């Protein structure tokens, strides 16, 4: 049995955090990103689980709400402002070729529906959408 990870995060720069409290990190990976966003000078604002996007579950046919992990507003090296929704997932839940179990394959099927809805939501709201896996989080690419 896998035990769920859940810890409260207290920002050192609370003026940048625009979400609800308490801030809950549901994985050590989320905690690492929260810490980085809180401290990074180019991050202007961020929030955890602040957006709800309707989607249809492809397995049940029922409508549900997808809640991406993060919303972040930042400026790039050219001082251009960007806003992104970010989902943090292990790569085995994002790409069929990397799936290890039947559970991973089911997660990928549902995630694809969620992310399709997220891309549509982002287009309508002038946002970008990104899925971060361990390859981006721990290879220094993000």
N, C-alpha and C. Protein backbone atom coordinates (compact mmCIF):
# COMPACT_ATOMS: atom_id res chain seq x y z
N UNK A 1 0.84 -1.19 0.00
CA UNK A 1 0.00 0.00 0.00
C UNK A 1 0.88 1.25 0.00
N UNK A 2 0.57 2.18 -0.89
CA UNK A 2 1.31 3.44 -0.99
C UNK A 2 0.64 4.46 -0.08
N UNK A 3 1.44 5.07 0.75
CA UNK A 3 0.91 6.07 1.66
C UNK A 3 0.93 7.44 0.99
N UNK A 4 -0.15 8.17 1.10
CA UNK A 4 -0.25 9.48 0.48
C UNK A 4 0.66 10.47 1.19
N UNK A 5 1.25 11.35 0.40
CA UNK A 5 2.10 12.42 0.92
C UNK A 5 1.24 13.67 1.00
N UNK A 6 1.33 14.36 2.10
CA UNK A 6 0.56 15.58 2.26
C UNK A 6 1.22 16.41 3.35
N UNK A 7 1.60 17.63 3.01
CA UNK A 7 2.19 18.49 4.01
C UNK A 7 1.79 19.94 3.75
N UNK A 8 1.72 20.71 4.81
CA UNK A 8 1.41 22.13 4.67
C UNK A 8 2.68 22.89 4.29
N UNK A 9 2.49 23.90 3.44
CA UNK A 9 3.60 24.74 3.02
C UNK A 9 3.34 26.15 3.50
N UNK A 10 4.34 26.76 4.12
CA UNK A 10 4.25 28.14 4.57
C UNK A 10 5.20 28.98 3.73
N UNK A 11 4.66 29.89 2.91
CA UNK A 11 5.55 30.70 2.04
C UNK A 11 6.35 31.72 2.84
N UNK A 12 7.57 31.94 2.38
CA UNK A 12 8.41 33.00 2.96
C UNK A 12 8.06 34.35 2.35
N UNK A 13 7.39 34.31 1.19
CA UNK A 13 6.95 35.52 0.50
C UNK A 13 5.43 35.44 0.29
N UNK A 14 4.66 35.56 1.36
CA UNK A 14 3.21 35.36 1.26
C UNK A 14 2.50 36.34 0.33
N UNK A 15 3.11 37.48 0.06
CA UNK A 15 2.48 38.45 -0.85
C UNK A 15 2.41 37.93 -2.28
N UNK A 16 3.25 36.95 -2.63
CA UNK A 16 3.23 36.36 -3.97
C UNK A 16 2.16 35.27 -4.10
N UNK A 17 1.73 34.70 -2.99
CA UNK A 17 0.78 33.59 -3.04
C UNK A 17 -0.64 34.14 -3.12
N UNK A 18 -1.37 33.73 -4.15
CA UNK A 18 -2.72 34.26 -4.40
C UNK A 18 -3.81 33.19 -4.27
N UNK A 19 -3.47 32.06 -3.69
CA UNK A 19 -4.45 30.98 -3.54
C UNK A 19 -5.03 30.96 -2.15
N UNK A 20 -5.69 29.85 -1.84
CA UNK A 20 -6.31 29.69 -0.54
C UNK A 20 -5.34 29.01 0.43
N UNK A 21 -5.59 29.22 1.69
CA UNK A 21 -4.80 28.59 2.76
C UNK A 21 -5.65 27.54 3.44
N UNK A 22 -5.08 26.51 3.99
CA UNK A 22 -3.65 26.20 3.99
C UNK A 22 -3.19 25.73 2.61
N UNK A 23 -1.91 25.95 2.33
CA UNK A 23 -1.30 25.49 1.09
C UNK A 23 -0.85 24.05 1.34
N UNK A 24 -1.40 23.12 0.57
CA UNK A 24 -1.09 21.71 0.77
C UNK A 24 -0.27 21.18 -0.41
N UNK A 25 0.91 20.67 -0.11
CA UNK A 25 1.73 19.98 -1.10
C UNK A 25 1.35 18.51 -1.03
N UNK A 26 0.93 17.95 -2.15
CA UNK A 26 0.48 16.57 -2.18
C UNK A 26 1.56 15.60 -2.64
N UNK A 27 2.76 16.13 -2.85
CA UNK A 27 3.92 15.29 -3.17
C UNK A 27 5.18 16.08 -2.85
N UNK A 28 6.28 15.37 -2.72
CA UNK A 28 7.56 16.06 -2.49
C UNK A 28 7.93 16.88 -3.72
N UNK A 29 7.47 16.45 -4.89
CA UNK A 29 7.74 17.21 -6.10
C UNK A 29 7.00 18.55 -6.07
N UNK A 30 5.73 18.53 -5.65
CA UNK A 30 4.98 19.77 -5.52
C UNK A 30 5.66 20.68 -4.49
N UNK A 31 6.08 20.11 -3.39
CA UNK A 31 6.76 20.90 -2.36
C UNK A 31 8.00 21.59 -2.92
N UNK A 32 8.76 20.89 -3.75
CA UNK A 32 9.96 21.48 -4.37
C UNK A 32 9.59 22.65 -5.28
N UNK A 33 8.51 22.50 -6.04
CA UNK A 33 8.07 23.57 -6.94
C UNK A 33 7.52 24.74 -6.14
N UNK A 34 6.73 24.48 -5.10
CA UNK A 34 6.24 25.56 -4.24
C UNK A 34 7.41 26.38 -3.69
N UNK A 35 8.41 25.69 -3.21
CA UNK A 35 9.58 26.36 -2.63
C UNK A 35 10.28 27.22 -3.67
N UNK A 36 10.43 26.69 -4.87
CA UNK A 36 11.09 27.44 -5.94
C UNK A 36 10.28 28.66 -6.34
N UNK A 37 8.97 28.49 -6.55
CA UNK A 37 8.13 29.61 -6.95
C UNK A 37 8.09 30.69 -5.87
N UNK A 38 8.04 30.28 -4.62
CA UNK A 38 8.00 31.23 -3.51
C UNK A 38 9.27 32.09 -3.49
N UNK A 39 10.40 31.49 -3.80
CA UNK A 39 11.68 32.20 -3.69
C UNK A 39 12.14 32.88 -4.98
N UNK A 40 11.68 32.41 -6.13
CA UNK A 40 12.22 32.89 -7.41
C UNK A 40 11.80 34.34 -7.68
N UNK A 41 12.77 35.22 -7.99
CA UNK A 41 12.44 36.63 -8.20
C UNK A 41 11.59 36.89 -9.44
N UNK A 42 11.60 36.00 -10.43
CA UNK A 42 10.81 36.21 -11.64
C UNK A 42 9.36 35.76 -11.49
N UNK A 43 9.06 35.01 -10.43
CA UNK A 43 7.68 34.61 -10.16
C UNK A 43 6.98 35.76 -9.45
N UNK A 44 5.94 36.30 -10.11
CA UNK A 44 5.20 37.43 -9.56
C UNK A 44 4.07 36.96 -8.64
N UNK A 45 3.38 35.90 -9.08
CA UNK A 45 2.26 35.35 -8.31
C UNK A 45 2.19 33.86 -8.56
N UNK A 46 1.64 33.15 -7.59
CA UNK A 46 1.37 31.73 -7.80
C UNK A 46 0.26 31.29 -6.86
N UNK A 47 -0.38 30.20 -7.23
CA UNK A 47 -1.45 29.64 -6.41
C UNK A 47 -1.49 28.13 -6.63
N UNK A 48 -1.90 27.42 -5.62
CA UNK A 48 -2.02 25.96 -5.68
C UNK A 48 -3.50 25.58 -5.78
N UNK A 49 -3.82 24.70 -6.73
CA UNK A 49 -5.17 24.16 -6.89
C UNK A 49 -6.24 25.26 -6.89
N UNK A 50 -6.03 26.30 -7.68
CA UNK A 50 -6.93 27.45 -7.66
C UNK A 50 -7.91 27.49 -8.83
N UNK A 51 -7.72 26.64 -9.82
CA UNK A 51 -8.56 26.66 -11.01
C UNK A 51 -9.29 25.32 -11.13
N UNK A 52 -10.57 25.38 -11.47
CA UNK A 52 -11.37 24.17 -11.67
C UNK A 52 -11.85 24.15 -13.11
N UNK A 53 -11.57 23.05 -13.81
CA UNK A 53 -11.89 22.93 -15.23
C UNK A 53 -12.80 21.72 -15.43
N UNK A 54 -13.98 21.92 -16.02
CA UNK A 54 -14.85 20.77 -16.26
C UNK A 54 -14.29 19.89 -17.38
N UNK A 55 -14.46 18.58 -17.23
CA UNK A 55 -14.05 17.64 -18.27
C UNK A 55 -14.93 16.40 -18.15
N UNK A 56 -14.95 15.61 -19.21
CA UNK A 56 -15.72 14.37 -19.19
C UNK A 56 -14.76 13.20 -19.02
N UNK A 57 -14.99 12.41 -17.98
CA UNK A 57 -14.16 11.24 -17.72
C UNK A 57 -14.42 10.21 -18.82
N UNK A 58 -13.37 9.80 -19.55
CA UNK A 58 -13.58 8.88 -20.66
C UNK A 58 -13.92 7.46 -20.22
N UNK A 59 -13.69 7.14 -18.96
CA UNK A 59 -13.99 5.79 -18.47
C UNK A 59 -15.42 5.66 -17.98
N UNK A 60 -15.94 6.73 -17.38
CA UNK A 60 -17.29 6.67 -16.81
C UNK A 60 -18.32 7.45 -17.63
N UNK A 61 -17.83 8.37 -18.46
CA UNK A 61 -18.74 9.24 -19.21
C UNK A 61 -19.29 10.39 -18.38
N UNK A 62 -18.98 10.42 -17.09
CA UNK A 62 -19.48 11.46 -16.20
C UNK A 62 -18.63 12.72 -16.29
N UNK A 63 -19.29 13.85 -16.06
CA UNK A 63 -18.57 15.11 -16.01
C UNK A 63 -18.02 15.32 -14.61
N UNK A 64 -16.82 15.87 -14.56
CA UNK A 64 -16.14 16.10 -13.30
C UNK A 64 -15.35 17.39 -13.42
N UNK A 65 -14.60 17.71 -12.37
CA UNK A 65 -13.74 18.90 -12.39
C UNK A 65 -12.28 18.49 -12.26
N UNK A 66 -11.47 19.05 -13.11
CA UNK A 66 -10.03 18.85 -13.06
C UNK A 66 -9.43 20.08 -12.39
N UNK A 67 -8.56 19.86 -11.42
CA UNK A 67 -7.93 20.95 -10.68
C UNK A 67 -6.41 20.83 -10.90
N UNK A 68 -5.86 21.62 -11.83
CA UNK A 68 -4.40 21.58 -12.03
C UNK A 68 -3.67 21.98 -10.75
N UNK A 69 -2.44 21.50 -10.63
CA UNK A 69 -1.67 21.72 -9.41
C UNK A 69 -1.35 23.18 -9.14
N UNK A 70 -0.98 23.93 -10.18
CA UNK A 70 -0.50 25.29 -9.96
C UNK A 70 -0.95 26.26 -11.04
N UNK A 71 -1.07 27.50 -10.63
CA UNK A 71 -1.19 28.64 -11.54
C UNK A 71 -0.03 29.55 -11.18
N UNK A 72 0.75 29.94 -12.17
CA UNK A 72 1.90 30.80 -11.91
C UNK A 72 1.95 31.93 -12.93
N UNK A 73 2.30 33.12 -12.44
CA UNK A 73 2.52 34.29 -13.29
C UNK A 73 3.97 34.69 -13.08
N UNK A 74 4.69 34.81 -14.19
CA UNK A 74 6.13 35.12 -14.08
C UNK A 74 6.57 35.98 -15.25
N UNK A 75 7.75 36.56 -15.13
CA UNK A 75 8.36 37.30 -16.23
C UNK A 75 9.57 36.51 -16.72
N UNK A 76 9.75 36.48 -18.04
CA UNK A 76 10.88 35.75 -18.62
C UNK A 76 12.11 36.66 -18.69
N UNK A 77 13.17 36.14 -19.28
CA UNK A 77 14.44 36.90 -19.34
C UNK A 77 14.33 38.17 -20.18
N UNK A 78 13.28 38.27 -21.03
CA UNK A 78 13.04 39.47 -21.83
C UNK A 78 12.01 40.40 -21.17
N UNK A 79 11.69 40.11 -19.92
CA UNK A 79 10.74 40.88 -19.12
C UNK A 79 9.31 40.79 -19.66
N UNK A 80 9.01 39.71 -20.39
CA UNK A 80 7.66 39.47 -20.88
C UNK A 80 6.91 38.64 -19.85
N UNK A 81 5.68 39.05 -19.56
CA UNK A 81 4.86 38.39 -18.55
C UNK A 81 4.14 37.18 -19.15
N UNK A 82 4.10 36.07 -18.40
CA UNK A 82 3.42 34.85 -18.81
C UNK A 82 2.58 34.34 -17.64
N UNK A 83 1.52 33.61 -17.99
CA UNK A 83 0.71 32.94 -16.98
C UNK A 83 0.50 31.50 -17.45
N UNK A 84 0.71 30.55 -16.54
CA UNK A 84 0.62 29.13 -16.89
C UNK A 84 -0.13 28.35 -15.83
N UNK A 85 -0.85 27.36 -16.30
CA UNK A 85 -1.35 26.30 -15.42
C UNK A 85 -0.35 25.17 -15.53
N UNK A 86 -0.03 24.55 -14.41
CA UNK A 86 0.97 23.50 -14.38
C UNK A 86 0.42 22.28 -13.65
N UNK A 87 0.67 21.13 -14.24
CA UNK A 87 0.35 19.85 -13.61
C UNK A 87 1.67 19.12 -13.39
N UNK A 88 1.83 18.52 -12.22
CA UNK A 88 3.03 17.76 -11.89
C UNK A 88 2.65 16.29 -11.82
N UNK A 89 3.27 15.49 -12.67
CA UNK A 89 2.94 14.06 -12.74
C UNK A 89 4.20 13.24 -13.02
N UNK A 90 4.25 12.02 -12.52
CA UNK A 90 5.34 11.12 -12.92
C UNK A 90 5.17 10.76 -14.39
N UNK A 91 6.26 10.62 -15.09
CA UNK A 91 6.20 10.35 -16.53
C UNK A 91 5.42 9.07 -16.84
N UNK A 92 5.43 8.14 -15.92
CA UNK A 92 4.71 6.88 -16.16
C UNK A 92 3.19 7.09 -16.24
N UNK A 93 2.71 8.27 -15.80
CA UNK A 93 1.29 8.59 -15.90
C UNK A 93 1.00 9.60 -17.01
N UNK A 94 2.00 9.81 -17.89
CA UNK A 94 1.82 10.78 -18.97
C UNK A 94 2.01 10.18 -20.36
N UNK A 95 2.78 9.10 -20.47
CA UNK A 95 3.14 8.52 -21.77
C UNK A 95 2.95 7.01 -21.69
N UNK A 96 2.13 6.48 -22.60
CA UNK A 96 1.83 5.04 -22.57
C UNK A 96 3.09 4.18 -22.60
N UNK A 97 4.08 4.58 -23.37
CA UNK A 97 5.31 3.78 -23.48
C UNK A 97 6.07 3.70 -22.15
N UNK A 98 5.78 4.61 -21.25
CA UNK A 98 6.46 4.63 -19.95
C UNK A 98 5.59 4.06 -18.83
N UNK A 99 4.34 3.71 -19.14
CA UNK A 99 3.44 3.15 -18.13
C UNK A 99 4.00 1.82 -17.63
N UNK A 100 3.93 1.62 -16.33
CA UNK A 100 4.44 0.39 -15.72
C UNK A 100 3.34 -0.60 -15.37
N UNK A 101 2.16 -0.07 -15.09
CA UNK A 101 1.07 -0.91 -14.59
C UNK A 101 -0.23 -0.57 -15.31
N UNK A 102 -1.24 -1.39 -15.07
CA UNK A 102 -2.57 -1.11 -15.60
C UNK A 102 -3.10 0.19 -15.01
N UNK A 103 -2.82 0.42 -13.73
CA UNK A 103 -3.23 1.67 -13.08
C UNK A 103 -2.64 2.88 -13.79
N UNK A 104 -1.36 2.81 -14.18
CA UNK A 104 -0.71 3.90 -14.93
C UNK A 104 -1.44 4.15 -16.25
N UNK A 105 -1.79 3.07 -16.94
CA UNK A 105 -2.48 3.20 -18.24
C UNK A 105 -3.85 3.84 -18.08
N UNK A 106 -4.55 3.48 -17.03
CA UNK A 106 -5.85 4.10 -16.75
C UNK A 106 -5.65 5.58 -16.43
N UNK A 107 -4.64 5.89 -15.62
CA UNK A 107 -4.35 7.29 -15.28
C UNK A 107 -4.05 8.10 -16.53
N UNK A 108 -3.30 7.54 -17.46
CA UNK A 108 -2.97 8.25 -18.70
C UNK A 108 -4.23 8.55 -19.49
N UNK A 109 -5.13 7.59 -19.59
CA UNK A 109 -6.38 7.79 -20.32
C UNK A 109 -7.18 8.94 -19.72
N UNK A 110 -7.32 8.96 -18.41
CA UNK A 110 -8.06 10.03 -17.74
C UNK A 110 -7.30 11.35 -17.84
N UNK A 111 -5.98 11.31 -17.65
CA UNK A 111 -5.17 12.53 -17.73
C UNK A 111 -5.29 13.18 -19.11
N UNK A 112 -5.30 12.41 -20.16
CA UNK A 112 -5.43 12.98 -21.51
C UNK A 112 -6.72 13.77 -21.65
N UNK A 113 -7.82 13.26 -21.08
CA UNK A 113 -9.09 13.99 -21.13
C UNK A 113 -9.00 15.28 -20.31
N UNK A 114 -8.39 15.20 -19.14
CA UNK A 114 -8.21 16.39 -18.30
C UNK A 114 -7.39 17.44 -19.03
N UNK A 115 -6.29 16.99 -19.64
CA UNK A 115 -5.37 17.93 -20.27
C UNK A 115 -5.94 18.54 -21.54
N UNK A 116 -6.78 17.79 -22.25
CA UNK A 116 -7.47 18.34 -23.41
C UNK A 116 -8.36 19.49 -22.96
N UNK A 117 -9.09 19.28 -21.87
CA UNK A 117 -9.94 20.33 -21.31
C UNK A 117 -9.10 21.52 -20.83
N UNK A 118 -7.94 21.23 -20.24
CA UNK A 118 -7.07 22.30 -19.75
C UNK A 118 -6.53 23.15 -20.90
N UNK A 119 -6.11 22.50 -21.99
CA UNK A 119 -5.61 23.26 -23.16
C UNK A 119 -6.71 24.16 -23.71
N UNK A 120 -7.92 23.66 -23.79
CA UNK A 120 -9.05 24.46 -24.28
C UNK A 120 -9.32 25.63 -23.35
N UNK A 121 -9.34 25.37 -22.04
CA UNK A 121 -9.53 26.42 -21.05
C UNK A 121 -8.44 27.49 -21.18
N UNK A 122 -7.21 27.05 -21.34
CA UNK A 122 -6.09 27.99 -21.43
C UNK A 122 -6.16 28.85 -22.68
N UNK A 123 -6.52 28.25 -23.81
CA UNK A 123 -6.68 29.04 -25.04
C UNK A 123 -7.70 30.16 -24.84
N UNK A 124 -8.80 29.83 -24.18
CA UNK A 124 -9.88 30.81 -23.97
C UNK A 124 -9.49 31.89 -22.96
N UNK A 125 -8.53 31.58 -22.09
CA UNK A 125 -8.17 32.51 -21.00
C UNK A 125 -6.75 33.06 -21.11
N UNK A 126 -6.16 32.95 -22.30
CA UNK A 126 -4.83 33.50 -22.56
C UNK A 126 -3.78 33.00 -21.55
N UNK A 127 -3.82 31.69 -21.32
CA UNK A 127 -2.86 31.03 -20.44
C UNK A 127 -2.11 29.96 -21.24
N UNK A 128 -1.04 29.48 -20.68
CA UNK A 128 -0.35 28.32 -21.21
C UNK A 128 -0.61 27.16 -20.26
N UNK A 129 -0.46 25.94 -20.76
CA UNK A 129 -0.61 24.75 -19.93
C UNK A 129 0.62 23.88 -20.12
N UNK A 130 1.13 23.37 -19.02
CA UNK A 130 2.33 22.55 -19.06
C UNK A 130 2.22 21.41 -18.05
N UNK A 131 2.69 20.24 -18.47
CA UNK A 131 2.80 19.10 -17.56
C UNK A 131 4.28 18.92 -17.27
N UNK A 132 4.63 18.94 -16.00
CA UNK A 132 6.01 18.73 -15.59
C UNK A 132 6.16 17.33 -15.02
N UNK A 133 7.16 16.62 -15.49
CA UNK A 133 7.48 15.30 -14.97
C UNK A 133 8.85 15.37 -14.29
N UNK A 134 9.27 14.25 -13.75
CA UNK A 134 10.59 14.20 -13.13
C UNK A 134 11.70 14.58 -14.10
N UNK A 135 11.47 14.37 -15.40
CA UNK A 135 12.50 14.73 -16.38
C UNK A 135 12.75 16.23 -16.41
N UNK A 136 11.69 17.04 -16.28
CA UNK A 136 11.87 18.49 -16.24
C UNK A 136 12.26 18.97 -14.84
N UNK A 137 11.64 18.38 -13.83
CA UNK A 137 11.86 18.86 -12.46
C UNK A 137 13.28 18.60 -11.96
N UNK A 138 13.86 17.49 -12.37
CA UNK A 138 15.14 17.10 -11.77
C UNK A 138 16.31 17.06 -12.74
N UNK A 139 16.09 17.57 -13.95
CA UNK A 139 17.19 17.61 -14.93
C UNK A 139 17.65 19.03 -15.15
N UNK A 140 17.16 19.96 -14.36
CA UNK A 140 17.57 21.35 -14.48
C UNK A 140 17.00 22.04 -15.70
N UNK A 141 15.96 21.46 -16.33
CA UNK A 141 15.39 22.05 -17.54
C UNK A 141 14.31 23.07 -17.24
N UNK A 142 13.78 23.06 -16.01
CA UNK A 142 12.66 23.95 -15.73
C UNK A 142 13.11 25.04 -14.79
